[in-house]
Amino acid sequence: VQLQASGGGLVQAGDSLRLSCASSRRTASNNGVGWFRQAPGKEREFVAAISWNGVSTLYGDSVKGRFTISRDNAKGTIYLQMNSLDVEDTAVYYCAVRRGSFGSRYPVDYNYWGQGTLVTVSS
């Protein structure tokens, strides 16, 4: 399974950005998918997760109400819409697939990882 995260960039505080995570074989269509982020010197942090059919979602406390995770299984792509960005959101964002299940906030529970995309929010 290969995951390709994209959409990162440099934005100002208050701006919006949408990240995409594409699966090369649409494997992600049958599994739960999560987004994590890691800032320099910090541990990897859970951002959001979505079930295989998009019905169930889960968010980290720091992004709840600002970020929205969604998916288009026909395209094999998972999205992370990020609104009201803050400098504290600056990090490398990773998407990950969890085989056969959904709802974990822990990186160790995910089986496949993308390479990450950098989001930088300036004040």
PDB file of N, CA and C in Angstrom:
ATOM      1  N   VAL A   1       0.845  -1.189   0.000  1.00  0.00           N
ATOM      2  CA  VAL A   1       0.000   0.000   0.000  1.00  0.00           C
ATOM      3  C   VAL A   1       0.881   1.240   0.000  1.00  0.00           C
ATOM      4  N   GLN A   2       0.621   2.129  -0.919  1.00  0.00           N
ATOM      5  CA  GLN A   2       1.349   3.395  -0.959  1.00  0.00           C
ATOM      6  C   GLN A   2       0.360   4.531  -0.755  1.00  0.00           C
ATOM      7  N   LEU A   3       0.746   5.459   0.093  1.00  0.00           N
ATOM      8  CA  LEU A   3      -0.077   6.622   0.374  1.00  0.00           C
ATOM      9  C   LEU A   3       0.687   7.871  -0.011  1.00  0.00           C
ATOM     10  N   GLN A   4       0.023   8.784  -0.680  1.00  0.00           N
ATOM     11  CA  GLN A   4       0.651  10.023  -1.127  1.00  0.00           C
ATOM     12  C   GLN A   4      -0.115  11.192  -0.549  1.00  0.00           C
ATOM     13  N   ALA A   5       0.492  11.863   0.414  1.00  0.00           N
ATOM     14  CA  ALA A   5      -0.126  13.053   0.990  1.00  0.00           C
ATOM     15  C   ALA A   5       0.336  14.284   0.224  1.00  0.00           C
ATOM     16  N   SER A   6      -0.572  15.221   0.034  1.00  0.00           N
ATOM     17  CA  SER A   6      -0.244  16.447  -0.692  1.00  0.00           C
ATOM     18  C   SER A   6      -1.132  17.585  -0.215  1.00  0.00           C
ATOM     19  N   GLY A   7      -0.799  18.783  -0.652  1.00  0.00           N
ATOM     20  CA  GLY A   7      -1.617  19.941  -0.335  1.00  0.00           C
ATOM     21  C   GLY A   7      -1.045  20.876   0.702  1.00  0.00           C
ATOM     22  N   GLY A   8       0.085  20.515   1.282  1.00  0.00           N
ATOM     23  CA  GLY A   8       0.700  21.389   2.271  1.00  0.00           C
ATOM     24  C   GLY A   8       1.264  22.647   1.642  1.00  0.00           C
ATOM     25  N   GLY A   9       1.645  23.582   2.495  1.00  0.00           N
ATOM     26  CA  GLY A   9       2.218  24.820   2.001  1.00  0.00           C
ATOM     27  C   GLY A   9       2.339  25.843   3.108  1.00  0.00           C
ATOM     28  N   LEU A  10       2.665  27.051   2.702  1.00  0.00           N
ATOM     29  CA  LEU A  10       2.823  28.171   3.632  1.00  0.00           C
ATOM     30  C   LEU A  10       1.579  29.050   3.559  1.00  0.00           C
ATOM     31  N   VAL A  11       0.924  29.228   4.693  1.00  0.00           N
ATOM     32  CA  VAL A  11      -0.267  30.060   4.768  1.00  0.00           C
ATOM     33  C   VAL A  11      -0.160  30.979   5.977  1.00  0.00           C
ATOM     34  N   GLN A  12      -1.070  31.932   6.041  1.00  0.00           N
ATOM     35  CA  GLN A  12      -1.104  32.841   7.179  1.00  0.00           C
ATOM     36  C   GLN A  12      -2.148  32.365   8.187  1.00  0.00           C
ATOM     37  N   ALA A  13      -1.974  32.785   9.401  1.00  0.00           N
ATOM     38  CA  ALA A  13      -2.944  32.443  10.445  1.00  0.00           C
ATOM     39  C   ALA A  13      -4.336  32.912  10.030  1.00  0.00           C
ATOM     40  N   GLY A  14      -5.305  32.036  10.226  1.00  0.00           N
ATOM     41  CA  GLY A  14      -6.672  32.339   9.839  1.00  0.00           C
ATOM     42  C   GLY A  14      -7.063  31.789   8.483  1.00  0.00           C
ATOM     43  N   ASP A  15      -6.065  31.405   7.688  1.00  0.00           N
ATOM     44  CA  ASP A  15      -6.331  30.860   6.357  1.00  0.00           C
ATOM     45  C   ASP A  15      -6.820  29.422   6.435  1.00  0.00           C
ATOM     46  N   SER A  16      -7.202  28.907   5.273  1.00  0.00           N
ATOM     47  CA  SER A  16      -7.643  27.517   5.145  1.00  0.00           C
ATOM     48  C   SER A  16      -6.736  26.778   4.174  1.00  0.00           C
ATOM     49  N   LEU A  17      -6.718  25.467   4.325  1.00  0.00           N
ATOM     50  CA  LEU A  17      -5.907  24.617   3.461  1.00  0.00           C
ATOM     51  C   LEU A  17      -6.576  23.246   3.415  1.00  0.00           C
ATOM     52  N   ARG A  18      -6.494  22.582   2.273  1.00  0.00           N
ATOM     53  CA  ARG A  18      -7.024  21.231   2.177  1.00  0.00           C
ATOM     54  C   ARG A  18      -5.918  20.259   1.799  1.00  0.00           C
ATOM     55  N   LEU A  19      -5.744  19.258   2.629  1.00  0.00           N
ATOM     56  CA  LEU A  19      -4.783  18.202   2.354  1.00  0.00           C
ATOM     57  C   LEU A  19      -5.497  17.019   1.698  1.00  0.00           C
ATOM     58  N   SER A  20      -4.746  16.302   0.864  1.00  0.00           N
ATOM     59  CA  SER A  20      -5.276  15.098   0.225  1.00  0.00           C
ATOM     60  C   SER A  20      -4.351  13.931   0.503  1.00  0.00           C
ATOM     61  N   CYS A  21      -4.937  12.758   0.591  1.00  0.00           N
ATOM     62  CA  CYS A  21      -4.168  11.531   0.762  1.00  0.00           C
ATOM     63  C   CYS A  21      -4.676  10.528  -0.263  1.00  0.00           C
ATOM     64  N   ALA A  22      -3.853  10.194  -1.227  1.00  0.00           N
ATOM     65  CA  ALA A  22      -4.236   9.278  -2.292  1.00  0.00           C
ATOM     66  C   ALA A  22      -3.602   7.917  -2.061  1.00  0.00           C
ATOM     67  N   SER A  23      -4.426   6.877  -2.269  1.00  0.00           N
ATOM     68  CA  SER A  23      -3.922   5.510  -2.165  1.00  0.00           C
ATOM     69  C   SER A  23      -3.723   4.945  -3.553  1.00  0.00           C
ATOM     70  N   SER A  24      -2.593   4.348  -3.778  1.00  0.00           N
ATOM     71  CA  SER A  24      -2.259   3.884  -5.127  1.00  0.00           C
ATOM     72  C   SER A  24      -3.167   2.771  -5.598  1.00  0.00           C
ATOM     73  N   ARG A  25      -3.689   1.959  -4.679  1.00  0.00           N
ATOM     74  CA  ARG A  25      -4.511   0.828  -5.100  1.00  0.00           C
ATOM     75  C   ARG A  25      -5.917   0.891  -4.530  1.00  0.00           C
ATOM     76  N   ARG A  26      -6.290   2.047  -4.061  1.00  0.00           N
ATOM     77  CA  ARG A  26      -7.609   2.241  -3.454  1.00  0.00           C
ATOM     78  C   ARG A  26      -7.820   1.312  -2.262  1.00  0.00           C
ATOM     79  N   THR A  27      -6.710   0.845  -1.698  1.00  0.00           N
ATOM     80  CA  THR A  27      -6.830   0.007  -0.508  1.00  0.00           C
ATOM     81  C   THR A  27      -7.467   0.759   0.636  1.00  0.00           C
ATOM     82  N   ALA A  28      -7.176   2.050   0.687  1.00  0.00           N
ATOM     83  CA  ALA A  28      -7.716   2.852   1.776  1.00  0.00           C
ATOM     84  C   ALA A  28      -9.235   2.864   1.754  1.00  0.00           C
ATOM     85  N   SER A  29      -9.841   2.552   0.593  1.00  0.00           N
ATOM     86  CA  SER A  29     -11.301   2.573   0.495  1.00  0.00           C
ATOM     87  C   SER A  29     -11.938   1.565   1.424  1.00  0.00           C
ATOM     88  N   ASN A  30     -11.196   0.518   1.826  1.00  0.00           N
ATOM     89  CA  ASN A  30     -11.779  -0.543   2.632  1.00  0.00           C
ATOM     90  C   ASN A  30     -11.338  -0.499   4.087  1.00  0.00           C
ATOM     91  N   ASN A  31     -10.652   0.563   4.452  1.00  0.00           N
ATOM     92  CA  ASN A  31     -10.085   0.631   5.792  1.00  0.00           C
ATOM     93  C   ASN A  31     -10.261   2.003   6.411  1.00  0.00           C
ATOM     94  N   GLY A  32     -10.115   2.032   7.713  1.00  0.00           N
ATOM     95  CA  GLY A  32     -10.093   3.319   8.382  1.00  0.00           C
ATOM     96  C   GLY A  32      -8.821   4.083   8.036  1.00  0.00           C
ATOM     97  N   VAL A  33      -8.913   5.380   7.977  1.00  0.00           N
ATOM     98  CA  VAL A  33      -7.780   6.235   7.642  1.00  0.00           C
ATOM     99  C   VAL A  33      -7.677   7.351   8.672  1.00  0.00           C
ATOM    100  N   GLY A  34      -6.456   7.681   9.018  1.00  0.00           N
ATOM    101  CA  GLY A  34      -6.237   8.759   9.976  1.00  0.00           C
ATOM    102  C   GLY A  34      -5.248   9.771   9.466  1.00  0.00           C
ATOM    103  N   TRP A  35      -5.336  10.964  10.010  1.00  0.00           N
ATOM    104  CA  TRP A  35      -4.338  12.002   9.791  1.00  0.00           C
ATOM    105  C   TRP A  35      -3.641  12.263  11.123  1.00  0.00           C
ATOM    106  N   PHE A  36      -2.346  12.376  11.058  1.00  0.00           N
ATOM    107  CA  PHE A  36      -1.521  12.725  12.202  1.00  0.00           C
ATOM    108  C   PHE A  36      -0.628  13.888  11.806  1.00  0.00           C
ATOM    109  N   ARG A  37      -0.040  14.519  12.796  1.00  0.00           N
ATOM    110  CA  ARG A  37       0.921  15.574  12.515  1.00  0.00           C
ATOM    111  C   ARG A  37       2.048  15.519  13.515  1.00  0.00           C
ATOM    112  N   GLN A  38       3.178  16.040  13.074  1.00  0.00           N
ATOM    113  CA  GLN A  38       4.342  16.069  13.951  1.00  0.00           C
ATOM    114  C   GLN A  38       5.093  17.372  13.747  1.00  0.00           C
ATOM    115  N   ALA A  39       5.164  18.142  14.810  1.00  0.00           N
ATOM    116  CA  ALA A  39       5.921  19.388  14.805  1.00  0.00           C
ATOM    117  C   ALA A  39       7.349  19.103  15.266  1.00  0.00           C
ATOM    118  N   PRO A  40       8.299  19.952  14.905  1.00  0.00           N
ATOM    119  CA  PRO A  40       9.693  19.738  15.326  1.00  0.00           C
ATOM    120  C   PRO A  40       9.823  19.595  16.830  1.00  0.00           C
ATOM    121  N   GLY A  41      10.485  18.540  17.249  1.00  0.00           N
ATOM    122  CA  GLY A  41      10.718  18.338  18.669  1.00  0.00           C
ATOM    123  C   GLY A  41       9.544  17.801  19.447  1.00  0.00           C
ATOM    124  N   LYS A  42       8.463  17.494  18.760  1.00  0.00           N
ATOM    125  CA  LYS A  42       7.263  16.999  19.440  1.00  0.00           C
ATOM    126  C   LYS A  42       6.904  15.603  18.948  1.00  0.00           C
ATOM    127  N   GLU A  43       6.086  14.921  19.739  1.00  0.00           N
ATOM    128  CA  GLU A  43       5.628  13.607  19.347  1.00  0.00           C
ATOM    129  C   GLU A  43       4.539  13.716  18.274  1.00  0.00           C
ATOM    130  N   ARG A  44       4.366  12.609  17.559  1.00  0.00           N
ATOM    131  CA  ARG A  44       3.312  12.572  16.550  1.00  0.00           C
ATOM    132  C   ARG A  44       1.956  12.669  17.241  1.00  0.00           C
ATOM    133  N   GLU A  45       1.113  13.540  16.713  1.00  0.00           N
ATOM    134  CA  GLU A  45      -0.165  13.864  17.332  1.00  0.00           C
ATOM    135  C   GLU A  45      -1.318  13.447  16.436  1.00  0.00           C
ATOM    136  N   PHE A  46      -2.314  12.846  17.042  1.00  0.00           N
ATOM    137  CA  PHE A  46      -3.513  12.463  16.305  1.00  0.00           C
ATOM    138  C   PHE A  46      -4.307  13.707  15.900  1.00  0.00           C
ATOM    139  N   VAL A  47      -4.761  13.730  14.646  1.00  0.00           N
ATOM    140  CA  VAL A  47      -5.547  14.854  14.153  1.00  0.00           C
ATOM    141  C   VAL A  47      -6.993  14.442  13.900  1.00  0.00           C
ATOM    142  N   ALA A  48      -7.175  13.413  13.078  1.00  0.00           N
ATOM    143  CA  ALA A  48      -8.534  12.994  12.724  1.00  0.00           C
ATOM    144  C   ALA A  48      -8.497  11.590  12.140  1.00  0.00           C
ATOM    145  N   ALA A  49      -9.652  10.924  12.176  1.00  0.00           N
ATOM    146  CA  ALA A  49      -9.777   9.602  11.574  1.00  0.00           C
ATOM    147  C   ALA A  49     -11.169   9.457  10.989  1.00  0.00           C
ATOM    148  N   ILE A  50     -11.270   8.589  10.000  1.00  0.00           N
ATOM    149  CA  ILE A  50     -12.550   8.368   9.343  1.00  0.00           C
ATOM    150  C   ILE A  50     -12.697   6.891   9.036  1.00  0.00           C
ATOM    151  N   SER A  51     -13.919   6.383   9.164  1.00  0.00           N
ATOM    152  CA  SER A  51     -14.185   4.979   8.872  1.00  0.00           C
ATOM    153  C   SER A  51     -14.183   4.736   7.365  1.00  0.00           C
ATOM    154  N   TRP A  52     -14.190   3.468   6.984  1.00  0.00           N
ATOM    155  CA  TRP A  52     -14.054   3.125   5.576  1.00  0.00           C
ATOM    156  C   TRP A  52     -15.173   3.699   4.726  1.00  0.00           C
ATOM    157  N   ASN A  53     -16.362   3.828   5.317  1.00  0.00           N
ATOM    158  CA  ASN A  53     -17.497   4.334   4.538  1.00  0.00           C
ATOM    159  C   ASN A  53     -17.768   5.816   4.785  1.00  0.00           C
ATOM    160  N   GLY A  54     -16.934   6.443   5.605  1.00  0.00           N
ATOM    161  CA  GLY A  54     -17.098   7.866   5.846  1.00  0.00           C
ATOM    162  C   GLY A  54     -18.174   8.229   6.842  1.00  0.00           C
ATOM    163  N   VAL A  55     -18.835   7.241   7.402  1.00  0.00           N
ATOM    164  CA  VAL A  55     -19.948   7.523   8.307  1.00  0.00           C
ATOM    165  C   VAL A  55     -19.465   8.018   9.665  1.00  0.00           C
ATOM    166  N   SER A  56     -18.372   7.439  10.122  1.00  0.00           N
ATOM    167  CA  SER A  56     -17.863   7.794  11.454  1.00  0.00           C
ATOM    168  C   SER A  56     -16.569   8.574  11.352  1.00  0.00           C
ATOM    169  N   THR A  57     -16.456   9.600  12.191  1.00  0.00           N
ATOM    170  CA  THR A  57     -15.238  10.405  12.236  1.00  0.00           C
ATOM    171  C   THR A  57     -14.838  10.645  13.687  1.00  0.00           C
ATOM    172  N   LEU A  58     -13.583  10.980  13.852  1.00  0.00           N
ATOM    173  CA  LEU A  58     -13.026  11.236  15.176  1.00  0.00           C
ATOM    174  C   LEU A  58     -11.994  12.339  15.025  1.00  0.00           C
ATOM    175  N   TYR A  59     -11.942  13.255  16.011  1.00  0.00           N
ATOM    176  CA  TYR A  59     -11.024  14.387  15.914  1.00  0.00           C
ATOM    177  C   TYR A  59     -10.219  14.559  17.189  1.00  0.00           C
ATOM    178  N   GLY A  60      -9.018  15.057  17.009  1.00  0.00           N
ATOM    179  CA  GLY A  60      -8.227  15.439  18.159  1.00  0.00           C
ATOM    180  C   GLY A  60      -8.790  16.720  18.769  1.00  0.00           C
ATOM    181  N   ASP A  61      -8.592  16.896  20.050  1.00  0.00           N
ATOM    182  CA  ASP A  61      -9.183  18.031  20.749  1.00  0.00           C
ATOM    183  C   ASP A  61      -8.705  19.376  20.196  1.00  0.00           C
ATOM    184  N   SER A  62      -7.471  19.422  19.759  1.00  0.00           N
ATOM    185  CA  SER A  62      -6.906  20.698  19.312  1.00  0.00           C
ATOM    186  C   SER A  62      -7.432  21.155  17.955  1.00  0.00           C
ATOM    187  N   VAL A  63      -8.075  20.258  17.212  1.00  0.00           N
ATOM    188  CA  VAL A  63      -8.550  20.625  15.872  1.00  0.00           C
ATOM    189  C   VAL A  63     -10.062  20.537  15.745  1.00  0.00           C
ATOM    190  N   LYS A  64     -10.716  20.039  16.763  1.00  0.00           N
ATOM    191  CA  LYS A  64     -12.161  19.855  16.705  1.00  0.00           C
ATOM    192  C   LYS A  64     -12.857  21.180  16.443  1.00  0.00           C
ATOM    193  N   GLY A  65     -13.767  21.171  15.468  1.00  0.00           N
ATOM    194  CA  GLY A  65     -14.485  22.383  15.113  1.00  0.00           C
ATOM    195  C   GLY A  65     -13.804  23.208  14.032  1.00  0.00           C
ATOM    196  N   ARG A  66     -12.528  22.910  13.755  1.00  0.00           N
ATOM    197  CA  ARG A  66     -11.795  23.657  12.726  1.00  0.00           C
ATOM    198  C   ARG A  66     -11.441  22.792  11.528  1.00  0.00           C
ATOM    199  N   PHE A  67     -11.173  21.525  11.778  1.00  0.00           N
ATOM    200  CA  PHE A  67     -10.763  20.601  10.724  1.00  0.00           C
ATOM    201  C   PHE A  67     -11.894  19.631  10.424  1.00  0.00           C
ATOM    202  N   THR A  68     -11.959  19.212   9.160  1.00  0.00           N
ATOM    203  CA  THR A  68     -12.961  18.225   8.745  1.00  0.00           C
ATOM    204  C   THR A  68     -12.297  17.168   7.878  1.00  0.00           C
ATOM    205  N   ILE A  69     -12.490  15.916   8.243  1.00  0.00           N
ATOM    206  CA  ILE A  69     -11.965  14.807   7.451  1.00  0.00           C
ATOM    207  C   ILE A  69     -13.100  14.239   6.607  1.00  0.00           C
ATOM    208  N   SER A  70     -12.775  13.878   5.373  1.00  0.00           N
ATOM    209  CA  SER A  70     -13.768  13.288   4.477  1.00  0.00           C
ATOM    210  C   SER A  70     -13.044  12.364   3.511  1.00  0.00           C
ATOM    211  N   ARG A  71     -13.818  11.621   2.743  1.00  0.00           N
ATOM    212  CA  ARG A  71     -13.197  10.710   1.795  1.00  0.00           C
ATOM    213  C   ARG A  71     -14.061  10.542   0.568  1.00  0.00           C
ATOM    214  N   ASP A  72     -13.398  10.231  -0.527  1.00  0.00           N
ATOM    215  CA  ASP A  72     -14.059   9.895  -1.780  1.00  0.00           C
ATOM    216  C   ASP A  72     -13.515   8.530  -2.192  1.00  0.00           C
ATOM    217  N   ASN A  73     -14.242   7.493  -1.877  1.00  0.00           N
ATOM    218  CA  ASN A  73     -13.751   6.140  -2.139  1.00  0.00           C
ATOM    219  C   ASN A  73     -13.645   5.836  -3.626  1.00  0.00           C
ATOM    220  N   ALA A  74     -14.444   6.473  -4.432  1.00  0.00           N
ATOM    221  CA  ALA A  74     -14.344   6.269  -5.884  1.00  0.00           C
ATOM    222  C   ALA A  74     -12.983   6.726  -6.406  1.00  0.00           C
ATOM    223  N   LYS A  75     -12.428   7.721  -5.741  1.00  0.00           N
ATOM    224  CA  LYS A  75     -11.112   8.228  -6.131  1.00  0.00           C
ATOM    225  C   LYS A  75     -10.002   7.673  -5.249  1.00  0.00           C
ATOM    226  N   GLY A  76     -10.371   6.951  -4.196  1.00  0.00           N
ATOM    227  CA  GLY A  76      -9.365   6.435  -3.283  1.00  0.00           C
ATOM    228  C   GLY A  76      -8.625   7.538  -2.548  1.00  0.00           C
ATOM    229  N   THR A  77      -9.308   8.634  -2.258  1.00  0.00           N
ATOM    230  CA  THR A  77      -8.660   9.802  -1.679  1.00  0.00           C
ATOM    231  C   THR A  77      -9.357  10.225  -0.393  1.00  0.00           C
ATOM    232  N   ILE A  78      -8.546  10.592   0.583  1.00  0.00           N
ATOM    233  CA  ILE A  78      -9.047  11.089   1.857  1.00  0.00           C
ATOM    234  C   ILE A  78      -8.586  12.537   1.980  1.00  0.00           C
ATOM    235  N   TYR A  79      -9.454  13.392   2.481  1.00  0.00           N
ATOM    236  CA  TYR A  79      -9.174  14.815   2.566  1.00  0.00           C
ATOM    237  C   TYR A  79      -9.157  15.288   4.017  1.00  0.00           C
ATOM    238  N   LEU A  80      -8.407  16.346   4.237  1.00  0.00           N
ATOM    239  CA  LEU A  80      -8.434  17.028   5.530  1.00  0.00           C
ATOM    240  C   LEU A  80      -8.581  18.516   5.240  1.00  0.00           C
ATOM    241  N   GLN A  81      -9.773  19.028   5.468  1.00  0.00           N
ATOM    242  CA  GLN A  81     -10.029  20.453   5.302  1.00  0.00           C
ATOM    243  C   GLN A  81      -9.670  21.145   6.600  1.00  0.00           C
ATOM    244  N   MET A  82      -8.769  22.102   6.528  1.00  0.00           N
ATOM    245  CA  MET A  82      -8.275  22.792   7.714  1.00  0.00           C
ATOM    246  C   MET A  82      -8.645  24.260   7.619  1.00  0.00           C
ATOM    247  N   ASN A  83      -9.458  24.713   8.538  1.00  0.00           N
ATOM    248  CA  ASN A  83      -9.895  26.108   8.575  1.00  0.00           C
ATOM    249  C   ASN A  83      -9.348  26.795   9.823  1.00  0.00           C
ATOM    250  N   SER A  84      -9.345  28.104   9.791  1.00  0.00           N
ATOM    251  CA  SER A  84      -8.895  28.909  10.937  1.00  0.00           C
ATOM    252  C   SER A  84      -7.541  28.427  11.439  1.00  0.00           C
ATOM    253  N   LEU A  85      -6.617  28.283  10.521  1.00  0.00           N
ATOM    254  CA  LEU A  85      -5.305  27.765  10.892  1.00  0.00           C
ATOM    255  C   LEU A  85      -4.579  28.701  11.837  1.00  0.00           C
ATOM    256  N   ASP A  86      -3.828  28.085  12.719  1.00  0.00           N
ATOM    257  CA  ASP A  86      -3.063  28.814  13.742  1.00  0.00           C
ATOM    258  C   ASP A  86      -1.603  28.393  13.628  1.00  0.00           C
ATOM    259  N   VAL A  87      -0.713  29.239  14.144  1.00  0.00           N
ATOM    260  CA  VAL A  87       0.718  28.903  14.075  1.00  0.00           C
ATOM    261  C   VAL A  87       0.999  27.565  14.762  1.00  0.00           C
ATOM    262  N   GLU A  88       0.172  27.208  15.745  1.00  0.00           N
ATOM    263  CA  GLU A  88       0.344  25.936  16.446  1.00  0.00           C
ATOM    264  C   GLU A  88       0.013  24.738  15.559  1.00  0.00           C
ATOM    265  N   ASP A  89      -0.598  24.969  14.412  1.00  0.00           N
ATOM    266  CA  ASP A  89      -0.899  23.886  13.477  1.00  0.00           C
ATOM    267  C   ASP A  89       0.279  23.565  12.557  1.00  0.00           C
ATOM    268  N   THR A  90       1.339  24.321  12.657  1.00  0.00           N
ATOM    269  CA  THR A  90       2.528  24.080  11.842  1.00  0.00           C
ATOM    270  C   THR A  90       3.123  22.716  12.173  1.00  0.00           C
ATOM    271  N   ALA A  91       3.244  21.871  11.160  1.00  0.00           N
ATOM    272  CA  ALA A  91       3.745  20.510  11.362  1.00  0.00           C
ATOM    273  C   ALA A  91       3.819  19.805  10.014  1.00  0.00           C
ATOM    274  N   VAL A  92       4.440  18.635  10.034  1.00  0.00           N
ATOM    275  CA  VAL A  92       4.334  17.718   8.910  1.00  0.00           C
ATOM    276  C   VAL A  92       3.109  16.853   9.154  1.00  0.00           C
ATOM    277  N   TYR A  93       2.236  16.792   8.180  1.00  0.00           N
ATOM    278  CA  TYR A  93       0.991  16.040   8.299  1.00  0.00           C
ATOM    279  C   TYR A  93       1.117  14.717   7.535  1.00  0.00           C
ATOM    280  N   TYR A  94       0.722  13.655   8.205  1.00  0.00           N
ATOM    281  CA  TYR A  94       0.803  12.305   7.643  1.00  0.00           C
ATOM    282  C   TYR A  94      -0.580  11.676   7.594  1.00  0.00           C
ATOM    283  N   CYS A  95      -0.831  10.923   6.520  1.00  0.00           N
ATOM    284  CA  CYS A  95      -2.022  10.088   6.504  1.00  0.00           C
ATOM    285  C   CYS A  95      -1.585   8.632   6.715  1.00  0.00           C
ATOM    286  N   ALA A  96      -2.487   7.863   7.262  1.00  0.00           N
ATOM    287  CA  ALA A  96      -2.160   6.484   7.595  1.00  0.00           C
ATOM    288  C   ALA A  96      -3.411   5.615   7.498  1.00  0.00           C
ATOM    289  N   VAL A  97      -3.202   4.370   7.132  1.00  0.00           N
ATOM    290  CA  VAL A  97      -4.300   3.412   6.994  1.00  0.00           C
ATOM    291  C   VAL A  97      -4.259   2.419   8.137  1.00  0.00           C
ATOM    292  N   ARG A  98      -5.423   2.173   8.702  1.00  0.00           N
ATOM    293  CA  ARG A  98      -5.554   1.158   9.745  1.00  0.00           C
ATOM    294  C   ARG A  98      -6.408   0.038   9.179  1.00  0.00           C
ATOM    295  N   ARG A  99      -5.797  -1.122   8.993  1.00  0.00           N
ATOM    296  CA  ARG A  99      -6.496  -2.239   8.373  1.00  0.00           C
ATOM    297  C   ARG A  99      -7.698  -2.660   9.188  1.00  0.00           C
ATOM    298  N   GLY A 100      -8.855  -2.694   8.521  1.00  0.00           N
ATOM    299  CA  GLY A 100     -10.030  -3.345   9.051  1.00  0.00           C
ATOM    300  C   GLY A 100     -10.699  -2.707  10.240  1.00  0.00           C
ATOM    301  N   SER A 101     -10.273  -1.525  10.649  1.00  0.00           N
ATOM    302  CA  SER A 101     -10.876  -0.954  11.839  1.00  0.00           C
ATOM    303  C   SER A 101     -10.786   0.559  11.790  1.00  0.00           C
ATOM    304  N   PHE A 102     -11.358   1.183  12.786  1.00  0.00           N
ATOM    305  CA  PHE A 102     -11.437   2.649  12.812  1.00  0.00           C
ATOM    306  C   PHE A 102     -11.445   3.110  14.257  1.00  0.00           C
ATOM    307  N   GLY A 103     -10.921   4.311  14.451  1.00  0.00           N
ATOM    308  CA  GLY A 103     -11.154   4.944  15.728  1.00  0.00           C
ATOM    309  C   GLY A 103      -9.973   5.021  16.662  1.00  0.00           C
ATOM    310  N   SER A 104      -8.790   4.673  16.214  1.00  0.00           N
ATOM    311  CA  SER A 104      -7.655   4.763  17.121  1.00  0.00           C
ATOM    312  C   SER A 104      -6.962   6.107  16.993  1.00  0.00           C
ATOM    313  N   ARG A 105      -6.523   6.628  18.128  1.00  0.00           N
ATOM    314  CA  ARG A 105      -5.747   7.867  18.166  1.00  0.00           C
ATOM    315  C   ARG A 105      -4.254   7.590  18.250  1.00  0.00           C
ATOM    316  N   TYR A 106      -3.864   6.332  18.222  1.00  0.00           N
ATOM    317  CA  TYR A 106      -2.474   5.972  18.465  1.00  0.00           C
ATOM    318  C   TYR A 106      -1.762   5.550  17.185  1.00  0.00           C
ATOM    319  N   PRO A 107      -0.643   6.182  16.882  1.00  0.00           N
ATOM    320  CA  PRO A 107       0.091   5.855  15.645  1.00  0.00           C
ATOM    321  C   PRO A 107       0.433   4.379  15.524  1.00  0.00           C
ATOM    322  N   VAL A 108       0.690   3.721  16.635  1.00  0.00           N
ATOM    323  CA  VAL A 108       1.104   2.334  16.595  1.00  0.00           C
ATOM    324  C   VAL A 108       0.015   1.426  16.028  1.00  0.00           C
ATOM    325  N   ASP A 109      -1.219   1.873  16.041  1.00  0.00           N
ATOM    326  CA  ASP A 109      -2.323   1.052  15.551  1.00  0.00           C
ATOM    327  C   ASP A 109      -2.511   1.142  14.039  1.00  0.00           C
ATOM    328  N   TYR A 110      -1.755   1.994  13.381  1.00  0.00           N
ATOM    329  CA  TYR A 110      -1.888   2.168  11.939  1.00  0.00           C
ATOM    330  C   TYR A 110      -0.817   1.368  11.218  1.00  0.00           C
ATOM    331  N   ASN A 111      -1.203   0.800  10.066  1.00  0.00           N
ATOM    332  CA  ASN A 111      -0.344  -0.167   9.388  1.00  0.00           C
ATOM    333  C   ASN A 111       0.491   0.428   8.261  1.00  0.00           C
ATOM    334  N   TYR A 112      -0.024   1.443   7.599  1.00  0.00           N
ATOM    335  CA  TYR A 112       0.665   2.029   6.449  1.00  0.00           C
ATOM    336  C   TYR A 112       0.654   3.550   6.584  1.00  0.00           C
ATOM    337  N   TRP A 113       1.770   4.151   6.174  1.00  0.00           N
ATOM    338  CA  TRP A 113       1.928   5.597   6.332  1.00  0.00           C
ATOM    339  C   TRP A 113       2.374   6.234   5.023  1.00  0.00           C
ATOM    340  N   GLY A 114       1.883   7.446   4.774  1.00  0.00           N
ATOM    341  CA  GLY A 114       2.375   8.255   3.680  1.00  0.00           C
ATOM    342  C   GLY A 114       3.623   8.999   4.102  1.00  0.00           C
ATOM    343  N   GLN A 115       4.194   9.756   3.181  1.00  0.00           N
ATOM    344  CA  GLN A 115       5.482  10.393   3.424  1.00  0.00           C
ATOM    345  C   GLN A 115       5.367  11.732   4.140  1.00  0.00           C
ATOM    346  N   GLY A 116       4.186  12.278   4.246  1.00  0.00           N
ATOM    347  CA  GLY A 116       3.995  13.538   4.938  1.00  0.00           C
ATOM    348  C   GLY A 116       4.030  14.745   4.016  1.00  0.00           C
ATOM    349  N   THR A 117       3.287  15.759   4.410  1.00  0.00           N
ATOM    350  CA  THR A 117       3.287  17.032   3.695  1.00  0.00           C
ATOM    351  C   THR A 117       3.378  18.150   4.724  1.00  0.00           C
ATOM    352  N   LEU A 118       4.221  19.136   4.452  1.00  0.00           N
ATOM    353  CA  LEU A 118       4.521  20.177   5.427  1.00  0.00           C
ATOM    354  C   LEU A 118       3.508  21.315   5.339  1.00  0.00           C
ATOM    355  N   VAL A 119       2.964  21.654   6.485  1.00  0.00           N
ATOM    356  CA  VAL A 119       2.081  22.815   6.613  1.00  0.00           C
ATOM    357  C   VAL A 119       2.765  23.818   7.524  1.00  0.00           C
ATOM    358  N   THR A 120       2.941  25.017   7.021  1.00  0.00           N
ATOM    359  CA  THR A 120       3.555  26.079   7.806  1.00  0.00           C
ATOM    360  C   THR A 120       2.588  27.239   7.889  1.00  0.00           C
ATOM    361  N   VAL A 121       2.257  27.635   9.110  1.00  0.00           N
ATOM    362  CA  VAL A 121       1.328  28.730   9.331  1.00  0.00           C
ATOM    363  C   VAL A 121       2.095  29.882   9.955  1.00  0.00           C
ATOM    364  N   SER A 122       2.081  31.014   9.274  1.00  0.00           N
ATOM    365  CA  SER A 122       2.789  32.188   9.778  1.00  0.00           C
ATOM    366  C   SER A 122       1.816  33.142  10.464  1.00  0.00           C
ATOM    367  N   SER A 123       2.329  33.903  11.400  1.00  0.00           N
ATOM    368  CA  SER A 123       1.470  34.829  12.155  1.00  0.00           C
ATOM    369  C   SER A 123       1.314  36.154  11.443  1.00  0.00           C
TER     370      SER A 123
END
